[in-house]
Amino acid sequence: MNDMLKRVARVLCDRIKHDGYIWYDYIPDARAVIAAMRDCTPEMLDAGSAAHPAGGYKRDTLLTDIIECEWRAMVDAALGQK
């Protein structure tokens, strides 16, 4: 299990605070939360493009395709699916 999955599970555990639960019980929920972020929103693409060294945002270009691929790879790594 990777660090990001553990981090999210611990935050969920701290915030929900069900008696008798430990952070490990929240792994399935943490996985679902991270997986929900796998697809970029237009706002995420805007921010990624603005921060990218190549710069200049134009929707549906090679740059946004690259940003989406990089983001999905990072989310997959957070899910332990390299």
Protein backbone atom coordinates (compact mmCIF):
# COMPACT_ATOMS: atom_id res chain seq x y z
CA MET A 1 0.00 0.00 0.00
CA ASN A 2 1.36 3.41 -0.92
CA ASP A 3 1.71 6.60 1.10
CA MET A 4 -1.05 8.60 -0.62
CA LEU A 5 -3.64 5.90 0.02
CA LYS A 6 -2.60 5.83 3.67
CA ARG A 7 -2.75 9.64 3.93
CA VAL A 8 -6.27 9.84 2.53
CA ALA A 9 -7.48 6.95 4.71
CA ARG A 10 -6.07 8.64 7.81
CA VAL A 11 -7.76 11.95 6.97
CA LEU A 12 -11.09 10.20 6.40
CA CYS A 13 -10.71 8.34 9.70
CA ASP A 14 -9.88 11.56 11.57
CA ARG A 15 -12.83 13.45 10.08
CA ILE A 16 -15.50 10.75 10.31
CA LYS A 17 -14.50 9.40 13.74
CA HIS A 18 -16.59 6.24 13.95
CA ASP A 19 -16.01 4.39 17.19
CA GLY A 20 -13.98 1.24 16.79
CA TYR A 21 -12.62 2.13 13.36
CA ILE A 22 -8.96 2.59 12.59
CA TRP A 23 -7.49 4.34 9.58
CA TYR A 24 -6.97 1.02 7.79
CA ASP A 25 -10.76 0.49 7.70
CA TYR A 26 -11.01 3.52 5.42
CA ILE A 27 -8.77 2.18 2.66
CA PRO A 28 -11.73 1.30 0.36
CA ASP A 29 -13.18 4.80 0.85
CA ALA A 30 -9.78 6.41 0.28
CA ARG A 31 -9.38 4.43 -2.93
CA ALA A 32 -12.82 5.62 -4.13
CA VAL A 33 -12.00 9.26 -3.32
CA ILE A 34 -8.71 9.15 -5.20
CA ALA A 35 -10.28 7.29 -8.16
CA ALA A 36 -12.97 9.97 -8.42
CA MET A 37 -10.20 12.46 -9.19
CA ARG A 38 -8.78 10.45 -12.09
CA ASP A 39 -10.46 12.43 -14.85
CA CYS A 40 -9.35 16.04 -15.20
CA THR A 41 -11.87 18.84 -15.08
CA PRO A 42 -11.53 21.84 -17.41
CA GLU A 43 -10.32 23.88 -14.41
CA MET A 44 -7.60 21.34 -13.69
CA LEU A 45 -6.46 21.45 -17.31
CA ASP A 46 -6.39 25.25 -17.17
CA ALA A 47 -4.23 25.19 -14.04
CA GLY A 48 -1.94 22.46 -15.39
CA SER A 49 -1.42 24.28 -18.66
CA ALA A 50 -0.70 27.58 -16.93
CA ALA A 51 1.92 25.89 -14.74
CA HIS A 52 3.48 23.85 -17.56
CA PRO A 53 6.81 25.09 -18.94
CA ALA A 54 5.39 24.90 -22.48
CA GLY A 55 2.56 27.18 -21.31
CA GLY A 56 -0.32 28.49 -23.33
CA TYR A 57 -3.64 26.79 -22.88
CA LYS A 58 -5.69 25.70 -25.84
CA ARG A 59 -8.29 23.06 -25.18
CA ASP A 60 -7.96 19.74 -27.01
CA THR A 61 -4.32 20.18 -27.98
CA LEU A 62 -1.33 17.93 -27.55
CA LEU A 63 -0.37 19.85 -24.38
CA THR A 64 -3.70 19.17 -22.68
CA ASP A 65 -3.51 15.54 -23.80
CA ILE A 66 -0.07 15.27 -22.19
CA ILE A 67 -1.26 16.94 -18.97
CA GLU A 68 -4.22 14.54 -18.78
CA CYS A 69 -1.95 11.52 -19.32
CA GLU A 70 0.48 12.74 -16.66
CA TRP A 71 -2.36 13.39 -14.20
CA ARG A 72 -3.93 9.96 -14.75
CA ALA A 73 -0.54 8.31 -14.29
CA MET A 74 -0.11 10.12 -10.97
CA VAL A 75 -3.59 9.16 -9.78
CA ASP A 76 -3.00 5.56 -10.84
CA ALA A 77 0.25 5.59 -8.84
CA ALA A 78 -1.66 6.94 -5.82
CA LEU A 79 -4.06 4.02 -6.24
CA GLY A 80 -1.15 1.59 -6.48
CA GLN A 81 -1.88 0.84 -10.14
CA LYS A 82 1.36 1.81 -11.87
